[in-house]
Amino acid sequence: MHVAHYFEESPQAASRPGVVNLVLPDLHLRLETDRGVFSPDRIDSGTRVLLETVPPPPAGGDLLDLGCGYGPIALTMASRAPGATVWAVDVNRRSVELCERNAKGAGLDKVRPVLPDEVPDDVRFQAIWSNPAIRIGKAALHEMLTRWLGRLAPGGSAYLVVQKHLGSDSLQRWLNDQGLPTSRLASRAAYRILKVDAR
């Protein structure tokens, strides 16, 4: 039997549109969701911890939401940094389409929802925010993080939210071993926020 995952390019789950509300101290967004994407019924707890913890994004340049889903992180970045271009990257086409609709609905025209290979090779990111897909497996996770963290601009930083019991401490050690200086910015509930600085 095929088990559908939100990190597949074309989810097999039948469409069942829904809506969730992202309410933060500085913004309120109404977001369209659907089956076959990450956390379609509510804003994921890790995403919320990330958005309530990270410092404001750089005001300009290129920013990245890695694994955008239907867009809560990308749209928050764009709301907080209206002068920046926010690349919202996901392998899941349904997620990318939802993120695009949600950005348009919120009037955030500097959000660029795309599949991974659609980001031009010369783009470098001033900041990366991500609730990474830990469940894709360690090898695939490491490959994904190496690919995108290597595109941080000089002086840029990435902020990753990782559940403690899903290996946040070992991921922090691995990142440091790769020459990516990584520290724990915060720990809340069952989550760690890891800050990764550009090489």
C-alpha atoms as a PDB file:
ATOM      1  CA  MET A   1       0.000   0.000   0.000  1.00  0.00           C
ATOM      2  CA  HIS A   2       1.269   3.473  -0.882  1.00  0.00           C
ATOM      3  CA  VAL A   3       1.451   5.852   2.067  1.00  0.00           C
ATOM      4  CA  ALA A   4       1.190   9.495   0.999  1.00  0.00           C
ATOM      5  CA  HIS A   5       3.674  11.999   2.383  1.00  0.00           C
ATOM      6  CA  TYR A   6       3.563  15.782   2.305  1.00  0.00           C
ATOM      7  CA  PHE A   7       7.138  15.790   0.944  1.00  0.00           C
ATOM      8  CA  GLU A   8       6.154  14.075  -2.304  1.00  0.00           C
ATOM      9  CA  GLU A   9       5.958  16.159  -5.477  1.00  0.00           C
ATOM     10  CA  SER A  10       2.376  15.163  -6.346  1.00  0.00           C
ATOM     11  CA  PRO A  11       0.338  14.177  -3.272  1.00  0.00           C
ATOM     12  CA  GLN A  12      -2.065  11.285  -3.865  1.00  0.00           C
ATOM     13  CA  ALA A  13      -4.459  12.442  -1.141  1.00  0.00           C
ATOM     14  CA  ALA A  14      -7.766  13.636  -2.536  1.00  0.00           C
ATOM     15  CA  SER A  15      -8.240  17.378  -2.253  1.00  0.00           C
ATOM     16  CA  ARG A  16     -10.179  18.593   0.787  1.00  0.00           C
ATOM     17  CA  PRO A  17      -9.673  22.353   1.020  1.00  0.00           C
ATOM     18  CA  GLY A  18      -9.624  24.017   4.414  1.00  0.00           C
ATOM     19  CA  VAL A  19      -8.618  27.240   6.111  1.00  0.00           C
ATOM     20  CA  VAL A  20      -6.375  27.965   9.086  1.00  0.00           C
ATOM     21  CA  ASN A  21      -5.708  31.256  10.810  1.00  0.00           C
ATOM     22  CA  LEU A  22      -2.191  32.302  11.718  1.00  0.00           C
ATOM     23  CA  VAL A  23      -2.430  34.761  14.585  1.00  0.00           C
ATOM     24  CA  LEU A  24       0.798  36.361  15.820  1.00  0.00           C
ATOM     25  CA  PRO A  25       1.315  39.550  17.847  1.00  0.00           C
ATOM     26  CA  ASP A  26       2.208  41.455  14.652  1.00  0.00           C
ATOM     27  CA  LEU A  27      -0.091  39.887  12.045  1.00  0.00           C
ATOM     28  CA  HIS A  28      -3.171  37.799  11.327  1.00  0.00           C
ATOM     29  CA  LEU A  29      -3.297  35.722   8.138  1.00  0.00           C
ATOM     30  CA  ARG A  30      -6.099  33.543   6.805  1.00  0.00           C
ATOM     31  CA  LEU A  31      -4.478  30.684   4.892  1.00  0.00           C
ATOM     32  CA  GLU A  32      -5.982  28.171   2.487  1.00  0.00           C
ATOM     33  CA  THR A  33      -4.858  24.592   3.114  1.00  0.00           C
ATOM     34  CA  ASP A  34      -5.569  21.154   1.679  1.00  0.00           C
ATOM     35  CA  ARG A  35      -4.904  17.489   2.311  1.00  0.00           C
ATOM     36  CA  GLY A  36      -1.542  16.175   1.175  1.00  0.00           C
ATOM     37  CA  VAL A  37       0.411  19.133   2.561  1.00  0.00           C
ATOM     38  CA  PHE A  38       2.178  19.594   5.895  1.00  0.00           C
ATOM     39  CA  SER A  39      -0.113  20.240   8.892  1.00  0.00           C
ATOM     40  CA  PRO A  40      -3.266  21.121   6.919  1.00  0.00           C
ATOM     41  CA  ASP A  41      -5.570  21.409   9.931  1.00  0.00           C
ATOM     42  CA  ARG A  42      -3.644  23.858  12.116  1.00  0.00           C
ATOM     43  CA  ILE A  43      -0.452  25.877  12.299  1.00  0.00           C
ATOM     44  CA  ASP A  44       2.195  23.378  13.373  1.00  0.00           C
ATOM     45  CA  SER A  45       3.549  23.953  16.892  1.00  0.00           C
ATOM     46  CA  GLY A  46       7.154  24.076  15.662  1.00  0.00           C
ATOM     47  CA  THR A  47       6.285  26.679  13.033  1.00  0.00           C
ATOM     48  CA  ARG A  48       4.594  28.787  15.699  1.00  0.00           C
ATOM     49  CA  VAL A  49       7.617  28.538  18.026  1.00  0.00           C
ATOM     50  CA  LEU A  50       9.892  29.595  15.142  1.00  0.00           C
ATOM     51  CA  LEU A  51       7.745  32.595  14.187  1.00  0.00           C
ATOM     52  CA  GLU A  52       7.437  33.763  17.796  1.00  0.00           C
ATOM     53  CA  THR A  53      11.164  33.388  18.507  1.00  0.00           C
ATOM     54  CA  VAL A  54      13.327  34.461  15.562  1.00  0.00           C
ATOM     55  CA  PRO A  55      14.647  38.010  15.219  1.00  0.00           C
ATOM     56  CA  PRO A  56      13.205  40.140  12.412  1.00  0.00           C
ATOM     57  CA  PRO A  57      14.404  39.145   8.942  1.00  0.00           C
ATOM     58  CA  PRO A  58      16.766  41.416   6.996  1.00  0.00           C
ATOM     59  CA  ALA A  59      14.828  44.287   5.425  1.00  0.00           C
ATOM     60  CA  GLY A  60      15.997  43.609   1.880  1.00  0.00           C
ATOM     61  CA  GLY A  61      17.644  41.080  -0.402  1.00  0.00           C
ATOM     62  CA  ASP A  62      16.609  37.475  -0.903  1.00  0.00           C
ATOM     63  CA  LEU A  63      15.124  35.392   1.911  1.00  0.00           C
ATOM     64  CA  LEU A  64      14.231  31.684   1.880  1.00  0.00           C
ATOM     65  CA  ASP A  65      11.505  29.615   3.475  1.00  0.00           C
ATOM     66  CA  LEU A  66      12.765  26.049   2.965  1.00  0.00           C
ATOM     67  CA  GLY A  67       9.808  23.632   2.912  1.00  0.00           C
ATOM     68  CA  CYS A  68       7.158  26.337   2.661  1.00  0.00           C
ATOM     69  CA  GLY A  69       4.005  24.208   2.813  1.00  0.00           C
ATOM     70  CA  TYR A  70       0.994  26.487   2.338  1.00  0.00           C
ATOM     71  CA  GLY A  71       3.076  29.484   3.375  1.00  0.00           C
ATOM     72  CA  PRO A  72       2.867  30.520   7.049  1.00  0.00           C
ATOM     73  CA  ILE A  73       6.627  31.100   7.356  1.00  0.00           C
ATOM     74  CA  ALA A  74       7.122  32.710   3.921  1.00  0.00           C
ATOM     75  CA  LEU A  75       4.172  35.059   4.383  1.00  0.00           C
ATOM     76  CA  THR A  76       5.343  36.064   7.850  1.00  0.00           C
ATOM     77  CA  MET A  77       8.828  36.819   6.479  1.00  0.00           C
ATOM     78  CA  ALA A  78       7.292  38.894   3.676  1.00  0.00           C
ATOM     79  CA  SER A  79       5.029  40.774   6.108  1.00  0.00           C
ATOM     80  CA  ARG A  80       7.958  41.588   8.393  1.00  0.00           C
ATOM     81  CA  ALA A  81      10.356  42.482   5.546  1.00  0.00           C
ATOM     82  CA  PRO A  82       8.230  44.041   2.777  1.00  0.00           C
ATOM     83  CA  GLY A  83      11.338  45.181   0.888  1.00  0.00           C
ATOM     84  CA  ALA A  84      12.758  41.656   0.560  1.00  0.00           C
ATOM     85  CA  THR A  85      12.069  38.926  -1.989  1.00  0.00           C
ATOM     86  CA  VAL A  86      10.957  35.754  -0.205  1.00  0.00           C
ATOM     87  CA  TRP A  87      11.591  32.473  -2.018  1.00  0.00           C
ATOM     88  CA  ALA A  88       9.089  29.873  -0.797  1.00  0.00           C
ATOM     89  CA  VAL A  89      10.498  26.479  -1.789  1.00  0.00           C
ATOM     90  CA  ASP A  90       8.788  23.110  -1.558  1.00  0.00           C
ATOM     91  CA  VAL A  91       8.958  19.818  -3.470  1.00  0.00           C
ATOM     92  CA  ASN A  92       5.175  19.450  -3.123  1.00  0.00           C
ATOM     93  CA  ARG A  93       3.356  21.106  -6.051  1.00  0.00           C
ATOM     94  CA  ARG A  94       0.116  21.401  -4.082  1.00  0.00           C
ATOM     95  CA  SER A  95       1.987  23.284  -1.343  1.00  0.00           C
ATOM     96  CA  VAL A  96       3.578  25.651  -3.858  1.00  0.00           C
ATOM     97  CA  GLU A  97       0.194  26.405  -5.456  1.00  0.00           C
ATOM     98  CA  LEU A  98      -1.437  27.023  -2.055  1.00  0.00           C
ATOM     99  CA  CYS A  99       1.428  29.277  -0.980  1.00  0.00           C
ATOM    100  CA  GLU A 100       1.028  31.278  -4.190  1.00  0.00           C
ATOM    101  CA  ARG A 101      -2.715  31.714  -3.613  1.00  0.00           C
ATOM    102  CA  ASN A 102      -2.181  32.674   0.020  1.00  0.00           C
ATOM    103  CA  ALA A 103       0.500  35.238  -0.860  1.00  0.00           C
ATOM    104  CA  LYS A 104      -1.802  36.800  -3.488  1.00  0.00           C
ATOM    105  CA  GLY A 105      -4.698  36.796  -1.046  1.00  0.00           C
ATOM    106  CA  ALA A 106      -2.578  38.629   1.524  1.00  0.00           C
ATOM    107  CA  GLY A 107      -1.298  41.145  -1.044  1.00  0.00           C
ATOM    108  CA  LEU A 108       2.304  39.949  -0.562  1.00  0.00           C
ATOM    109  CA  ASP A 109       3.583  40.217  -4.120  1.00  0.00           C
ATOM    110  CA  LYS A 110       7.260  39.677  -3.281  1.00  0.00           C
ATOM    111  CA  VAL A 111       6.740  36.031  -2.292  1.00  0.00           C
ATOM    112  CA  ARG A 112       8.048  33.624  -4.955  1.00  0.00           C
ATOM    113  CA  PRO A 113       6.581  30.110  -4.409  1.00  0.00           C
ATOM    114  CA  VAL A 114       8.666  27.664  -6.473  1.00  0.00           C
ATOM    115  CA  LEU A 115       9.891  24.098  -6.771  1.00  0.00           C
ATOM    116  CA  PRO A 116      13.540  23.664  -5.637  1.00  0.00           C
ATOM    117  CA  ASP A 117      15.093  23.658  -9.129  1.00  0.00           C
ATOM    118  CA  GLU A 118      13.291  26.881 -10.070  1.00  0.00           C
ATOM    119  CA  VAL A 119      15.464  29.054  -7.828  1.00  0.00           C
ATOM    120  CA  PRO A 120      18.198  30.654  -9.990  1.00  0.00           C
ATOM    121  CA  ASP A 121      21.638  29.302  -9.144  1.00  0.00           C
ATOM    122  CA  ASP A 122      23.088  32.753  -8.471  1.00  0.00           C
ATOM    123  CA  VAL A 123      20.599  33.694  -5.732  1.00  0.00           C
ATOM    124  CA  ARG A 124      22.145  33.967  -2.268  1.00  0.00           C
ATOM    125  CA  PHE A 125      20.015  34.304   0.844  1.00  0.00           C
ATOM    126  CA  GLN A 126      20.348  36.909   3.584  1.00  0.00           C
ATOM    127  CA  ALA A 127      18.284  34.634   5.844  1.00  0.00           C
ATOM    128  CA  ILE A 128      16.712  31.185   5.770  1.00  0.00           C
ATOM    129  CA  TRP A 129      13.811  30.189   8.016  1.00  0.00           C
ATOM    130  CA  SER A 130      12.725  26.568   8.028  1.00  0.00           C
ATOM    131  CA  ASN A 131      10.695  23.924   9.772  1.00  0.00           C
ATOM    132  CA  PRO A 132      12.631  21.240   7.874  1.00  0.00           C
ATOM    133  CA  ALA A 133      11.090  17.921   6.854  1.00  0.00           C
ATOM    134  CA  ILE A 134      12.953  15.792   9.397  1.00  0.00           C
ATOM    135  CA  ARG A 135      10.868  12.741   8.472  1.00  0.00           C
ATOM    136  CA  ILE A 136      12.368  12.484   4.969  1.00  0.00           C
ATOM    137  CA  GLY A 137      15.239  10.593   6.642  1.00  0.00           C
ATOM    138  CA  LYS A 138      18.680  11.616   7.795  1.00  0.00           C
ATOM    139  CA  ALA A 139      20.524  11.245   4.481  1.00  0.00           C
ATOM    140  CA  ALA A 140      17.935  13.234   2.511  1.00  0.00           C
ATOM    141  CA  LEU A 141      17.730  15.860   5.267  1.00  0.00           C
ATOM    142  CA  HIS A 142      21.512  16.305   5.309  1.00  0.00           C
ATOM    143  CA  GLU A 143      21.603  16.597   1.521  1.00  0.00           C
ATOM    144  CA  MET A 144      18.822  19.210   1.547  1.00  0.00           C
ATOM    145  CA  LEU A 145      20.409  21.291   4.301  1.00  0.00           C
ATOM    146  CA  THR A 146      23.863  21.147   2.711  1.00  0.00           C
ATOM    147  CA  ARG A 147      22.407  22.339  -0.591  1.00  0.00           C
ATOM    148  CA  TRP A 148      20.530  25.337   0.797  1.00  0.00           C
ATOM    149  CA  LEU A 149      22.649  26.401   3.768  1.00  0.00           C
ATOM    150  CA  GLY A 150      25.575  26.610   1.360  1.00  0.00           C
ATOM    151  CA  ARG A 151      23.675  29.424  -0.365  1.00  0.00           C
ATOM    152  CA  LEU A 152      23.614  31.736   2.631  1.00  0.00           C
ATOM    153  CA  ALA A 153      25.100  35.128   1.766  1.00  0.00           C
ATOM    154  CA  PRO A 154      28.132  36.282   3.801  1.00  0.00           C
ATOM    155  CA  GLY A 155      26.840  37.410   7.174  1.00  0.00           C
ATOM    156  CA  GLY A 156      23.535  35.590   6.651  1.00  0.00           C
ATOM    157  CA  SER A 157      21.927  33.190   9.112  1.00  0.00           C
ATOM    158  CA  ALA A 158      19.437  30.341   8.998  1.00  0.00           C
ATOM    159  CA  TYR A 159      16.940  29.535  11.735  1.00  0.00           C
ATOM    160  CA  LEU A 160      15.706  25.944  11.926  1.00  0.00           C
ATOM    161  CA  VAL A 161      13.067  24.594  14.286  1.00  0.00           C
ATOM    162  CA  VAL A 162      13.574  20.936  15.216  1.00  0.00           C
ATOM    163  CA  GLN A 163      11.828  18.774  17.777  1.00  0.00           C
ATOM    164  CA  LYS A 164      14.134  17.676  20.552  1.00  0.00           C
ATOM    165  CA  HIS A 165      13.102  14.018  20.307  1.00  0.00           C
ATOM    166  CA  LEU A 166      13.569  14.070  16.511  1.00  0.00           C
ATOM    167  CA  GLY A 167      17.276  14.737  16.831  1.00  0.00           C
ATOM    168  CA  SER A 168      17.820  18.489  17.215  1.00  0.00           C
ATOM    169  CA  ASP A 169      20.999  18.034  19.283  1.00  0.00           C
ATOM    170  CA  SER A 170      22.574  15.526  16.898  1.00  0.00           C
ATOM    171  CA  LEU A 171      21.638  17.772  13.952  1.00  0.00           C
ATOM    172  CA  GLN A 172      23.352  20.685  15.677  1.00  0.00           C
ATOM    173  CA  ARG A 173      26.523  18.602  16.090  1.00  0.00           C
ATOM    174  CA  TRP A 174      26.377  17.453  12.459  1.00  0.00           C
ATOM    175  CA  LEU A 175      26.008  21.018  11.160  1.00  0.00           C
ATOM    176  CA  ASN A 176      28.989  22.159  13.205  1.00  0.00           C
ATOM    177  CA  ASP A 177      30.985  19.200  11.857  1.00  0.00           C
ATOM    178  CA  GLN A 178      30.160  20.403   8.320  1.00  0.00           C
ATOM    179  CA  GLY A 179      31.786  23.764   9.059  1.00  0.00           C
ATOM    180  CA  LEU A 180      28.426  25.506   9.523  1.00  0.00           C
ATOM    181  CA  PRO A 181      28.623  27.296  12.896  1.00  0.00           C
ATOM    182  CA  THR A 182      25.418  26.305  14.695  1.00  0.00           C
ATOM    183  CA  SER A 183      24.141  27.372  18.100  1.00  0.00           C
ATOM    184  CA  ARG A 184      20.897  26.920  19.994  1.00  0.00           C
ATOM    185  CA  LEU A 185      18.991  30.203  19.928  1.00  0.00           C
ATOM    186  CA  ALA A 186      16.076  29.002  22.042  1.00  0.00           C
ATOM    187  CA  SER A 187      14.414  25.966  23.542  1.00  0.00           C
ATOM    188  CA  ARG A 188      10.662  25.961  24.083  1.00  0.00           C
ATOM    189  CA  ALA A 189       8.218  23.160  24.728  1.00  0.00           C
ATOM    190  CA  ALA A 190       9.672  20.187  22.823  1.00  0.00           C
ATOM    191  CA  TYR A 191      11.438  22.350  20.237  1.00  0.00           C
ATOM    192  CA  ARG A 192      14.858  23.818  19.663  1.00  0.00           C
ATOM    193  CA  ILE A 193      15.571  26.810  17.446  1.00  0.00           C
ATOM    194  CA  LEU A 194      18.976  26.342  15.829  1.00  0.00           C
ATOM    195  CA  LYS A 195      20.833  29.333  14.402  1.00  0.00           C
ATOM    196  CA  VAL A 196      23.209  28.469  11.574  1.00  0.00           C
ATOM    197  CA  ASP A 197      25.674  31.115  10.392  1.00  0.00           C
ATOM    198  CA  ALA A 198      27.088  31.327   6.883  1.00  0.00           C
ATOM    199  CA  ARG A 199      30.493  29.742   6.406  1.00  0.00           C
END
